[in-house]
Amino acid sequence: MARKRLETLTEQMYYVLLALTGESRHGYEIMQVVSQLTGGRVVLGAGTLYALLSRFEEEGYIFLCDTRERRKYYALSSAGKAALRAEYGRLRQLVADGAEALEQEGSK
């Protein structure tokens, strides 16, 4: 079954939204924050990042809040916060399901 548009987020999508919690950021800053949050495990290329920002802006998850020194600053909207919380809940459930299954496997 095909997943609905943005019903679940990819890892890169999740971290872009996570990087925008608390304050607005420009593109390069978002890439740096994602790298810091993941210890360098998730690396965003400029093309991927700007495609995601465009898509998130279309969906109303983020909005352009400022333009300074030729940089565009984006902020998380209430819809973006809701999507991030929903994904966080989904991921927690995945981990809980995995823990339960692995505990059952370990007790055999």
PDB file of N, CA and C in Angstrom:
ATOM      1  N   MET A   1       0.842  -1.168   0.000  1.00  0.00           N
ATOM      2  CA  MET A   1       0.000   0.000   0.000  1.00  0.00           C
ATOM      3  C   MET A   1       0.898   1.244   0.000  1.00  0.00           C
ATOM      4  N   ALA A   2       0.602   2.186  -0.843  1.00  0.00           N
ATOM      5  CA  ALA A   2       1.385   3.423  -0.914  1.00  0.00           C
ATOM      6  C   ALA A   2       1.092   4.282   0.309  1.00  0.00           C
ATOM      7  N   ARG A   3       2.132   4.944   0.792  1.00  0.00           N
ATOM      8  CA  ARG A   3       1.909   5.788   1.953  1.00  0.00           C
ATOM      9  C   ARG A   3       1.335   7.118   1.498  1.00  0.00           C
ATOM     10  N   LYS A   4       0.508   7.695   2.353  1.00  0.00           N
ATOM     11  CA  LYS A   4      -0.083   8.989   2.038  1.00  0.00           C
ATOM     12  C   LYS A   4       0.999  10.053   2.077  1.00  0.00           C
ATOM     13  N   ARG A   5       0.773  11.103   1.355  1.00  0.00           N
ATOM     14  CA  ARG A   5       1.741  12.193   1.274  1.00  0.00           C
ATOM     15  C   ARG A   5       2.049  12.736   2.673  1.00  0.00           C
ATOM     16  N   LEU A   6       3.282  12.647   3.063  1.00  0.00           N
ATOM     17  CA  LEU A   6       3.802  13.131   4.341  1.00  0.00           C
ATOM     18  C   LEU A   6       3.090  12.541   5.562  1.00  0.00           C
ATOM     19  N   GLU A   7       2.470  11.379   5.396  1.00  0.00           N
ATOM     20  CA  GLU A   7       1.873  10.718   6.563  1.00  0.00           C
ATOM     21  C   GLU A   7       2.973  10.252   7.514  1.00  0.00           C
ATOM     22  N   THR A   8       4.049   9.760   6.948  1.00  0.00           N
ATOM     23  CA  THR A   8       5.238   9.432   7.720  1.00  0.00           C
ATOM     24  C   THR A   8       6.400  10.208   7.109  1.00  0.00           C
ATOM     25  N   LEU A   9       7.388  10.477   7.908  1.00  0.00           N
ATOM     26  CA  LEU A   9       8.518  11.266   7.454  1.00  0.00           C
ATOM     27  C   LEU A   9       9.746  10.379   7.263  1.00  0.00           C
ATOM     28  N   THR A  10      10.549  10.716   6.291  1.00  0.00           N
ATOM     29  CA  THR A  10      11.835  10.051   6.163  1.00  0.00           C
ATOM     30  C   THR A  10      12.738  10.582   7.279  1.00  0.00           C
ATOM     31  N   GLU A  11      13.851   9.924   7.465  1.00  0.00           N
ATOM     32  CA  GLU A  11      14.798  10.361   8.487  1.00  0.00           C
ATOM     33  C   GLU A  11      15.256  11.796   8.233  1.00  0.00           C
ATOM     34  N   GLN A  12      15.556  12.103   6.991  1.00  0.00           N
ATOM     35  CA  GLN A  12      16.001  13.457   6.658  1.00  0.00           C
ATOM     36  C   GLN A  12      14.912  14.483   6.918  1.00  0.00           C
ATOM     37  N   MET A  13      13.669  14.160   6.567  1.00  0.00           N
ATOM     38  CA  MET A  13      12.546  15.062   6.825  1.00  0.00           C
ATOM     39  C   MET A  13      12.402  15.329   8.318  1.00  0.00           C
ATOM     40  N   TYR A  14      12.455  14.255   9.088  1.00  0.00           N
ATOM     41  CA  TYR A  14      12.306  14.360  10.539  1.00  0.00           C
ATOM     42  C   TYR A  14      13.353  15.314  11.115  1.00  0.00           C
ATOM     43  N   TYR A  15      14.589  15.139  10.716  1.00  0.00           N
ATOM     44  CA  TYR A  15      15.655  15.966  11.285  1.00  0.00           C
ATOM     45  C   TYR A  15      15.608  17.413  10.812  1.00  0.00           C
ATOM     46  N   VAL A  16      15.130  17.662   9.617  1.00  0.00           N
ATOM     47  CA  VAL A  16      14.972  19.050   9.169  1.00  0.00           C
ATOM     48  C   VAL A  16      13.939  19.749  10.046  1.00  0.00           C
ATOM     49  N   LEU A  17      12.807  19.099  10.275  1.00  0.00           N
ATOM     50  CA  LEU A  17      11.793  19.703  11.146  1.00  0.00           C
ATOM     51  C   LEU A  17      12.319  19.849  12.570  1.00  0.00           C
ATOM     52  N   LEU A  18      13.024  18.840  13.044  1.00  0.00           N
ATOM     53  CA  LEU A  18      13.586  18.895  14.395  1.00  0.00           C
ATOM     54  C   LEU A  18      14.569  20.058  14.536  1.00  0.00           C
ATOM     55  N   ALA A  19      15.338  20.320  13.494  1.00  0.00           N
ATOM     56  CA  ALA A  19      16.311  21.422  13.526  1.00  0.00           C
ATOM     57  C   ALA A  19      15.633  22.780  13.626  1.00  0.00           C
ATOM     58  N   LEU A  20      14.364  22.841  13.244  1.00  0.00           N
ATOM     59  CA  LEU A  20      13.646  24.114  13.284  1.00  0.00           C
ATOM     60  C   LEU A  20      12.851  24.321  14.567  1.00  0.00           C
ATOM     61  N   THR A  21      12.938  23.384  15.496  1.00  0.00           N
ATOM     62  CA  THR A  21      12.245  23.589  16.765  1.00  0.00           C
ATOM     63  C   THR A  21      12.980  24.653  17.571  1.00  0.00           C
ATOM     64  N   GLY A  22      12.226  25.542  18.138  1.00  0.00           N
ATOM     65  CA  GLY A  22      12.819  26.541  19.020  1.00  0.00           C
ATOM     66  C   GLY A  22      13.240  27.832  18.369  1.00  0.00           C
ATOM     67  N   GLU A  23      13.727  27.791  17.125  1.00  0.00           N
ATOM     68  CA  GLU A  23      14.143  29.028  16.484  1.00  0.00           C
ATOM     69  C   GLU A  23      14.180  28.874  14.971  1.00  0.00           C
ATOM     70  N   SER A  24      14.120  30.014  14.299  1.00  0.00           N
ATOM     71  CA  SER A  24      14.206  29.990  12.841  1.00  0.00           C
ATOM     72  C   SER A  24      15.662  29.815  12.435  1.00  0.00           C
ATOM     73  N   ARG A  25      15.859  29.234  11.260  1.00  0.00           N
ATOM     74  CA  ARG A  25      17.218  28.984  10.772  1.00  0.00           C
ATOM     75  C   ARG A  25      17.255  29.112   9.255  1.00  0.00           C
ATOM     76  N   HIS A  26      18.431  29.402   8.741  1.00  0.00           N
ATOM     77  CA  HIS A  26      18.640  29.400   7.294  1.00  0.00           C
ATOM     78  C   HIS A  26      19.176  28.028   6.893  1.00  0.00           C
ATOM     79  N   GLY A  27      19.213  27.775   5.577  1.00  0.00           N
ATOM     80  CA  GLY A  27      19.542  26.453   5.051  1.00  0.00           C
ATOM     81  C   GLY A  27      20.836  25.851   5.556  1.00  0.00           C
ATOM     82  N   TYR A  28      21.931  26.604   5.460  1.00  0.00           N
ATOM     83  CA  TYR A  28      23.214  26.059   5.884  1.00  0.00           C
ATOM     84  C   TYR A  28      23.196  25.740   7.375  1.00  0.00           C
ATOM     85  N   GLU A  29      22.543  26.581   8.145  1.00  0.00           N
ATOM     86  CA  GLU A  29      22.440  26.353   9.587  1.00  0.00           C
ATOM     87  C   GLU A  29      21.644  25.076   9.879  1.00  0.00           C
ATOM     88  N   ILE A  30      20.593  24.842   9.110  1.00  0.00           N
ATOM     89  CA  ILE A  30      19.805  23.616   9.267  1.00  0.00           C
ATOM     90  C   ILE A  30      20.693  22.399   9.013  1.00  0.00           C
ATOM     91  N   MET A  31      21.499  22.457   7.957  1.00  0.00           N
ATOM     92  CA  MET A  31      22.403  21.335   7.657  1.00  0.00           C
ATOM     93  C   MET A  31      23.363  21.086   8.819  1.00  0.00           C
ATOM     94  N   GLN A  32      23.894  22.141   9.406  1.00  0.00           N
ATOM     95  CA  GLN A  32      24.818  22.011  10.534  1.00  0.00           C
ATOM     96  C   GLN A  32      24.132  21.410  11.755  1.00  0.00           C
ATOM     97  N   VAL A  33      22.931  21.876  12.052  1.00  0.00           N
ATOM     98  CA  VAL A  33      22.201  21.371  13.223  1.00  0.00           C
ATOM     99  C   VAL A  33      21.871  19.890  13.045  1.00  0.00           C
ATOM    100  N   VAL A  34      21.437  19.503  11.849  1.00  0.00           N
ATOM    101  CA  VAL A  34      21.138  18.086  11.584  1.00  0.00           C
ATOM    102  C   VAL A  34      22.384  17.248  11.799  1.00  0.00           C
ATOM    103  N   SER A  35      23.504  17.713  11.306  1.00  0.00           N
ATOM    104  CA  SER A  35      24.760  16.981  11.491  1.00  0.00           C
ATOM    105  C   SER A  35      25.106  16.870  12.978  1.00  0.00           C
ATOM    106  N   GLN A  36      24.927  17.938  13.727  1.00  0.00           N
ATOM    107  CA  GLN A  36      25.209  17.909  15.172  1.00  0.00           C
ATOM    108  C   GLN A  36      24.263  16.965  15.910  1.00  0.00           C
ATOM    109  N   LEU A  37      22.972  17.042  15.596  1.00  0.00           N
ATOM    110  CA  LEU A  37      21.975  16.193  16.267  1.00  0.00           C
ATOM    111  C   LEU A  37      22.255  14.706  16.056  1.00  0.00           C
ATOM    112  N   THR A  38      22.781  14.379  14.882  1.00  0.00           N
ATOM    113  CA  THR A  38      22.976  12.966  14.531  1.00  0.00           C
ATOM    114  C   THR A  38      24.431  12.520  14.637  1.00  0.00           C
ATOM    115  N   GLY A  39      25.283  13.366  15.159  1.00  0.00           N
ATOM    116  CA  GLY A  39      26.694  13.020  15.241  1.00  0.00           C
ATOM    117  C   GLY A  39      27.313  12.779  13.877  1.00  0.00           C
ATOM    118  N   GLY A  40      26.791  13.457  12.855  1.00  0.00           N
ATOM    119  CA  GLY A  40      27.316  13.315  11.501  1.00  0.00           C
ATOM    120  C   GLY A  40      26.737  12.147  10.723  1.00  0.00           C
ATOM    121  N   ARG A  41      25.855  11.387  11.341  1.00  0.00           N
ATOM    122  CA  ARG A  41      25.273  10.213  10.683  1.00  0.00           C
ATOM    123  C   ARG A  41      24.357  10.599   9.518  1.00  0.00           C
ATOM    124  N   VAL A  42      23.597  11.684   9.695  1.00  0.00           N
ATOM    125  CA  VAL A  42      22.713  12.150   8.629  1.00  0.00           C
ATOM    126  C   VAL A  42      23.328  13.400   8.023  1.00  0.00           C
ATOM    127  N   VAL A  43      23.643  13.316   6.745  1.00  0.00           N
ATOM    128  CA  VAL A  43      24.238  14.441   6.030  1.00  0.00           C
ATOM    129  C   VAL A  43      23.249  14.869   4.951  1.00  0.00           C
ATOM    130  N   LEU A  44      22.904  16.134   4.961  1.00  0.00           N
ATOM    131  CA  LEU A  44      21.991  16.674   3.967  1.00  0.00           C
ATOM    132  C   LEU A  44      22.769  17.425   2.902  1.00  0.00           C
ATOM    133  N   GLY A  45      22.560  17.068   1.662  1.00  0.00           N
ATOM    134  CA  GLY A  45      23.113  17.855   0.572  1.00  0.00           C
ATOM    135  C   GLY A  45      22.221  19.059   0.331  1.00  0.00           C
ATOM    136  N   ALA A  46      22.762  20.072  -0.291  1.00  0.00           N
ATOM    137  CA  ALA A  46      21.997  21.295  -0.534  1.00  0.00           C
ATOM    138  C   ALA A  46      20.747  21.021  -1.372  1.00  0.00           C
ATOM    139  N   GLY A  47      20.872  20.193  -2.400  1.00  0.00           N
ATOM    140  CA  GLY A  47      19.721  19.889  -3.250  1.00  0.00           C
ATOM    141  C   GLY A  47      18.599  19.220  -2.481  1.00  0.00           C
ATOM    142  N   THR A  48      18.956  18.240  -1.649  1.00  0.00           N
ATOM    143  CA  THR A  48      17.966  17.538  -0.836  1.00  0.00           C
ATOM    144  C   THR A  48      17.312  18.500   0.143  1.00  0.00           C
ATOM    145  N   LEU A  49      18.127  19.296   0.821  1.00  0.00           N
ATOM    146  CA  LEU A  49      17.591  20.228   1.817  1.00  0.00           C
ATOM    147  C   LEU A  49      16.608  21.204   1.178  1.00  0.00           C
ATOM    148  N   TYR A  50      16.994  21.834   0.095  1.00  0.00           N
ATOM    149  CA  TYR A  50      16.119  22.851  -0.491  1.00  0.00           C
ATOM    150  C   TYR A  50      14.876  22.241  -1.116  1.00  0.00           C
ATOM    151  N   ALA A  51      14.947  21.013  -1.596  1.00  0.00           N
ATOM    152  CA  ALA A  51      13.749  20.312  -2.071  1.00  0.00           C
ATOM    153  C   ALA A  51      12.799  20.061  -0.894  1.00  0.00           C
ATOM    154  N   LEU A  52      13.357  19.647   0.242  1.00  0.00           N
ATOM    155  CA  LEU A  52      12.527  19.416   1.429  1.00  0.00           C
ATOM    156  C   LEU A  52      11.921  20.717   1.943  1.00  0.00           C
ATOM    157  N   LEU A  53      12.708  21.775   1.982  1.00  0.00           N
ATOM    158  CA  LEU A  53      12.185  23.055   2.450  1.00  0.00           C
ATOM    159  C   LEU A  53      11.036  23.522   1.559  1.00  0.00           C
ATOM    160  N   SER A  54      11.191  23.363   0.264  1.00  0.00           N
ATOM    161  CA  SER A  54      10.129  23.748  -0.666  1.00  0.00           C
ATOM    162  C   SER A  54       8.870  22.921  -0.432  1.00  0.00           C
ATOM    163  N   ARG A  55       9.056  21.628  -0.270  1.00  0.00           N
ATOM    164  CA  ARG A  55       7.910  20.734  -0.036  1.00  0.00           C
ATOM    165  C   ARG A  55       7.231  21.050   1.295  1.00  0.00           C
ATOM    166  N   PHE A  56       8.020  21.266   2.333  1.00  0.00           N
ATOM    167  CA  PHE A  56       7.451  21.601   3.641  1.00  0.00           C
ATOM    168  C   PHE A  56       6.716  22.937   3.611  1.00  0.00           C
ATOM    169  N   GLU A  57       7.243  23.870   2.847  1.00  0.00           N
ATOM    170  CA  GLU A  57       6.577  25.167   2.732  1.00  0.00           C
ATOM    171  C   GLU A  57       5.240  25.001   2.004  1.00  0.00           C
ATOM    172  N   GLU A  58       5.209  24.206   0.946  1.00  0.00           N
ATOM    173  CA  GLU A  58       3.964  23.921   0.219  1.00  0.00           C
ATOM    174  C   GLU A  58       2.925  23.281   1.126  1.00  0.00           C
ATOM    175  N   GLU A  59       3.379  22.371   1.993  1.00  0.00           N
ATOM    176  CA  GLU A  59       2.479  21.644   2.893  1.00  0.00           C
ATOM    177  C   GLU A  59       2.073  22.474   4.114  1.00  0.00           C
ATOM    178  N   GLY A  60       2.711  23.619   4.298  1.00  0.00           N
ATOM    179  CA  GLY A  60       2.384  24.464   5.445  1.00  0.00           C
ATOM    180  C   GLY A  60       3.077  24.037   6.729  1.00  0.00           C
ATOM    181  N   TYR A  61       4.114  23.203   6.628  1.00  0.00           N
ATOM    182  CA  TYR A  61       4.848  22.745   7.807  1.00  0.00           C
ATOM    183  C   TYR A  61       5.866  23.775   8.280  1.00  0.00           C
ATOM    184  N   ILE A  62       6.345  24.582   7.349  1.00  0.00           N
ATOM    185  CA  ILE A  62       7.284  25.649   7.679  1.00  0.00           C
ATOM    186  C   ILE A  62       6.851  26.899   6.916  1.00  0.00           C
ATOM    187  N   PHE A  63       7.422  28.025   7.295  1.00  0.00           N
ATOM    188  CA  PHE A  63       7.163  29.253   6.554  1.00  0.00           C
ATOM    189  C   PHE A  63       8.419  30.110   6.547  1.00  0.00           C
ATOM    190  N   LEU A  64       8.537  30.898   5.500  1.00  0.00           N
ATOM    191  CA  LEU A  64       9.644  31.833   5.377  1.00  0.00           C
ATOM    192  C   LEU A  64       9.349  32.993   6.311  1.00  0.00           C
ATOM    193  N   CYS A  65      10.216  33.212   7.290  1.00  0.00           N
ATOM    194  CA  CYS A  65       9.935  34.236   8.293  1.00  0.00           C
ATOM    195  C   CYS A  65      10.843  35.455   8.186  1.00  0.00           C
ATOM    196  N   ASP A  66      11.935  35.348   7.438  1.00  0.00           N
ATOM    197  CA  ASP A  66      12.851  36.474   7.336  1.00  0.00           C
ATOM    198  C   ASP A  66      13.825  36.241   6.186  1.00  0.00           C
ATOM    199  N   THR A  67      14.331  37.323   5.657  1.00  0.00           N
ATOM    200  CA  THR A  67      15.412  37.263   4.667  1.00  0.00           C
ATOM    201  C   THR A  67      16.438  38.295   5.095  1.00  0.00           C
ATOM    202  N   ARG A  68      17.618  37.816   5.451  1.00  0.00           N
ATOM    203  CA  ARG A  68      18.713  38.689   5.886  1.00  0.00           C
ATOM    204  C   ARG A  68      19.989  38.271   5.193  1.00  0.00           C
ATOM    205  N   GLU A  69      20.752  39.257   4.771  1.00  0.00           N
ATOM    206  CA  GLU A  69      22.053  38.997   4.169  1.00  0.00           C
ATOM    207  C   GLU A  69      21.975  37.899   3.099  1.00  0.00           C
ATOM    208  N   ARG A  70      20.972  37.989   2.257  1.00  0.00           N
ATOM    209  CA  ARG A  70      20.741  37.045   1.164  1.00  0.00           C
ATOM    210  C   ARG A  70      20.452  35.625   1.650  1.00  0.00           C
ATOM    211  N   ARG A  71      20.050  35.479   2.899  1.00  0.00           N
ATOM    212  CA  ARG A  71      19.695  34.164   3.439  1.00  0.00           C
ATOM    213  C   ARG A  71      18.215  34.150   3.789  1.00  0.00           C
ATOM    214  N   LYS A  72      17.578  33.023   3.496  1.00  0.00           N
ATOM    215  CA  LYS A  72      16.171  32.844   3.842  1.00  0.00           C
ATOM    216  C   LYS A  72      16.090  32.070   5.152  1.00  0.00           C
ATOM    217  N   TYR A  73      15.336  32.588   6.086  1.00  0.00           N
ATOM    218  CA  TYR A  73      15.146  31.943   7.379  1.00  0.00           C
ATOM    219  C   TYR A  73      13.762  31.319   7.433  1.00  0.00           C
ATOM    220  N   TYR A  74      13.724  30.087   7.883  1.00  0.00           N
ATOM    221  CA  TYR A  74      12.479  29.338   7.965  1.00  0.00           C
ATOM    222  C   TYR A  74      12.153  29.032   9.422  1.00  0.00           C
ATOM    223  N   ALA A  75      10.851  28.963   9.696  1.00  0.00           N
ATOM    224  CA  ALA A  75      10.380  28.618  11.037  1.00  0.00           C
ATOM    225  C   ALA A  75       9.338  27.508  10.918  1.00  0.00           C
ATOM    226  N   LEU A  76       9.192  26.768  11.987  1.00  0.00           N
ATOM    227  CA  LEU A  76       8.241  25.664  12.055  1.00  0.00           C
ATOM    228  C   LEU A  76       6.851  26.216  12.353  1.00  0.00           C
ATOM    229  N   SER A  77       5.868  25.791  11.586  1.00  0.00           N
ATOM    230  CA  SER A  77       4.481  26.211  11.821  1.00  0.00           C
ATOM    231  C   SER A  77       3.823  25.250  12.814  1.00  0.00           C
ATOM    232  N   SER A  78       2.610  25.566  13.213  1.00  0.00           N
ATOM    233  CA  SER A  78       1.892  24.659  14.124  1.00  0.00           C
ATOM    234  C   SER A  78       1.627  23.321  13.433  1.00  0.00           C
ATOM    235  N   ALA A  79       1.372  23.341  12.128  1.00  0.00           N
ATOM    236  CA  ALA A  79       1.183  22.081  11.389  1.00  0.00           C
ATOM    237  C   ALA A  79       2.478  21.275  11.363  1.00  0.00           C
ATOM    238  N   GLY A  80       3.610  21.958  11.228  1.00  0.00           N
ATOM    239  CA  GLY A  80       4.902  21.286  11.261  1.00  0.00           C
ATOM    240  C   GLY A  80       5.191  20.675  12.618  1.00  0.00           C
ATOM    241  N   LYS A  81       4.852  21.406  13.675  1.00  0.00           N
ATOM    242  CA  LYS A  81       5.031  20.871  15.033  1.00  0.00           C
ATOM    243  C   LYS A  81       4.169  19.637  15.239  1.00  0.00           C
ATOM    244  N   ALA A  82       2.936  19.689  14.740  1.00  0.00           N
ATOM    245  CA  ALA A  82       2.034  18.535  14.874  1.00  0.00           C
ATOM    246  C   ALA A  82       2.582  17.335  14.107  1.00  0.00           C
ATOM    247  N   ALA A  83       3.109  17.566  12.900  1.00  0.00           N
ATOM    248  CA  ALA A  83       3.685  16.471  12.109  1.00  0.00           C
ATOM    249  C   ALA A  83       4.899  15.878  12.807  1.00  0.00           C
ATOM    250  N   LEU A  84       5.722  16.735  13.399  1.00  0.00           N
ATOM    251  CA  LEU A  84       6.911  16.266  14.114  1.00  0.00           C
ATOM    252  C   LEU A  84       6.517  15.445  15.341  1.00  0.00           C
ATOM    253  N   ARG A  85       5.539  15.922  16.080  1.00  0.00           N
ATOM    254  CA  ARG A  85       5.059  15.163  17.256  1.00  0.00           C
ATOM    255  C   ARG A  85       4.460  13.820  16.853  1.00  0.00           C
ATOM    256  N   ALA A  86       3.699  13.820  15.757  1.00  0.00           N
ATOM    257  CA  ALA A  86       3.093  12.564  15.278  1.00  0.00           C
ATOM    258  C   ALA A  86       4.176  11.569  14.876  1.00  0.00           C
ATOM    259  N   GLU A  87       5.197  12.051  14.190  1.00  0.00           N
ATOM    260  CA  GLU A  87       6.292  11.160  13.781  1.00  0.00           C
ATOM    261  C   GLU A  87       7.060  10.659  14.992  1.00  0.00           C
ATOM    262  N   TYR A  88       7.271  11.518  15.959  1.00  0.00           N
ATOM    263  CA  TYR A  88       7.944  11.111  17.193  1.00  0.00           C
ATOM    264  C   TYR A  88       7.141   9.994  17.882  1.00  0.00           C
ATOM    265  N   GLY A  89       5.850  10.153  17.950  1.00  0.00           N
ATOM    266  CA  GLY A  89       4.997   9.115  18.536  1.00  0.00           C
ATOM    267  C   GLY A  89       5.067   7.812  17.761  1.00  0.00           C
ATOM    268  N   ARG A  90       5.063   7.909  16.432  1.00  0.00           N
ATOM    269  CA  ARG A  90       5.160   6.715  15.586  1.00  0.00           C
ATOM    270  C   ARG A  90       6.486   6.001  15.808  1.00  0.00           C
ATOM    271  N   LEU A  91       7.562   6.770  15.890  1.00  0.00           N
ATOM    272  CA  LEU A  91       8.887   6.180  16.114  1.00  0.00           C
ATOM    273  C   LEU A  91       8.983   5.534  17.499  1.00  0.00           C
ATOM    274  N   ARG A  92       8.419   6.167  18.495  1.00  0.00           N
ATOM    275  CA  ARG A  92       8.411   5.574  19.845  1.00  0.00           C
ATOM    276  C   ARG A  92       7.675   4.236  19.829  1.00  0.00           C
ATOM    277  N   GLN A  93       6.565   4.174  19.084  1.00  0.00           N
ATOM    278  CA  GLN A  93       5.808   2.927  18.999  1.00  0.00           C
ATOM    279  C   GLN A  93       6.612   1.853  18.291  1.00  0.00           C
ATOM    280  N   LEU A  94       7.345   2.218  17.244  1.00  0.00           N
ATOM    281  CA  LEU A  94       8.206   1.260  16.558  1.00  0.00           C
ATOM    282  C   LEU A  94       9.246   0.678  17.506  1.00  0.00           C
ATOM    283  N   VAL A  95       9.854   1.533  18.295  1.00  0.00           N
ATOM    284  CA  VAL A  95      10.875   1.091  19.244  1.00  0.00           C
ATOM    285  C   VAL A  95      10.248   0.181  20.305  1.00  0.00           C
ATOM    286  N   ALA A  96       9.080   0.567  20.805  1.00  0.00           N
ATOM    287  CA  ALA A  96       8.402  -0.261  21.818  1.00  0.00           C
ATOM    288  C   ALA A  96       8.049  -1.633  21.248  1.00  0.00           C
ATOM    289  N   ASP A  97       7.537  -1.654  20.030  1.00  0.00           N
ATOM    290  CA  ASP A  97       7.202  -2.931  19.390  1.00  0.00           C
ATOM    291  C   ASP A  97       8.446  -3.793  19.214  1.00  0.00           C
ATOM    292  N   GLY A  98       9.537  -3.165  18.782  1.00  0.00           N
ATOM    293  CA  GLY A  98      10.789  -3.898  18.594  1.00  0.00           C
ATOM    294  C   GLY A  98      11.329  -4.437  19.904  1.00  0.00           C
ATOM    295  N   ALA A  99      11.268  -3.627  20.951  1.00  0.00           N
ATOM    296  CA  ALA A  99      11.757  -4.064  22.258  1.00  0.00           C
ATOM    297  C   ALA A  99      10.965  -5.265  22.748  1.00  0.00           C
ATOM    298  N   GLU A 100       9.654  -5.202  22.580  1.00  0.00           N
ATOM    299  CA  GLU A 100       8.803  -6.312  23.025  1.00  0.00           C
ATOM    300  C   GLU A 100       9.120  -7.590  22.251  1.00  0.00           C
ATOM    301  N   ALA A 101       9.243  -7.470  20.935  1.00  0.00           N
ATOM    302  CA  ALA A 101       9.524  -8.640  20.097  1.00  0.00           C
ATOM    303  C   ALA A 101      10.894  -9.228  20.422  1.00  0.00           C
ATOM    304  N   LEU A 102      11.878  -8.373  20.615  1.00  0.00           N
ATOM    305  CA  LEU A 102      13.226  -8.861  20.914  1.00  0.00           C
ATOM    306  C   LEU A 102      13.315  -9.463  22.315  1.00  0.00           C
ATOM    307  N   GLU A 103      12.570  -8.923  23.251  1.00  0.00           N
ATOM    308  CA  GLU A 103      12.537  -9.515  24.595  1.00  0.00           C
ATOM    309  C   GLU A 103      11.909 -10.907  24.545  1.00  0.00           C
ATOM    310  N   GLN A 104      10.824 -11.027  23.767  1.00  0.00           N
ATOM    311  CA  GLN A 104      10.181 -12.341  23.621  1.00  0.00           C
ATOM    312  C   GLN A 104      11.114 -13.323  22.942  1.00  0.00           C
ATOM    313  N   GLU A 105      11.828 -12.877  21.951  1.00  0.00           N
ATOM    314  CA  GLU A 105      12.785 -13.739  21.240  1.00  0.00           C
ATOM    315  C   GLU A 105      13.897 -14.164  22.182  1.00  0.00           C
ATOM    316  N   GLY A 106      14.361 -13.233  23.011  1.00  0.00           N
ATOM    317  CA  GLY A 106      15.445 -13.536  23.944  1.00  0.00           C
ATOM    318  C   GLY A 106      15.050 -14.508  25.033  1.00  0.00           C
ATOM    319  N   SER A 107      13.755 -14.598  25.349  1.00  0.00           N
ATOM    320  CA  SER A 107      13.314 -15.487  26.419  1.00  0.00           C
ATOM    321  C   SER A 107      13.051 -16.905  25.918  1.00  0.00           C
ATOM    322  N   LYS A 108      13.239 -17.126  24.631  1.00  0.00           N
ATOM    323  CA  LYS A 108      13.001 -18.476  24.069  1.00  0.00           C
ATOM    324  C   LYS A 108      14.236 -19.330  24.192  1.00  0.00           C
TER     325      LYS A 108
END
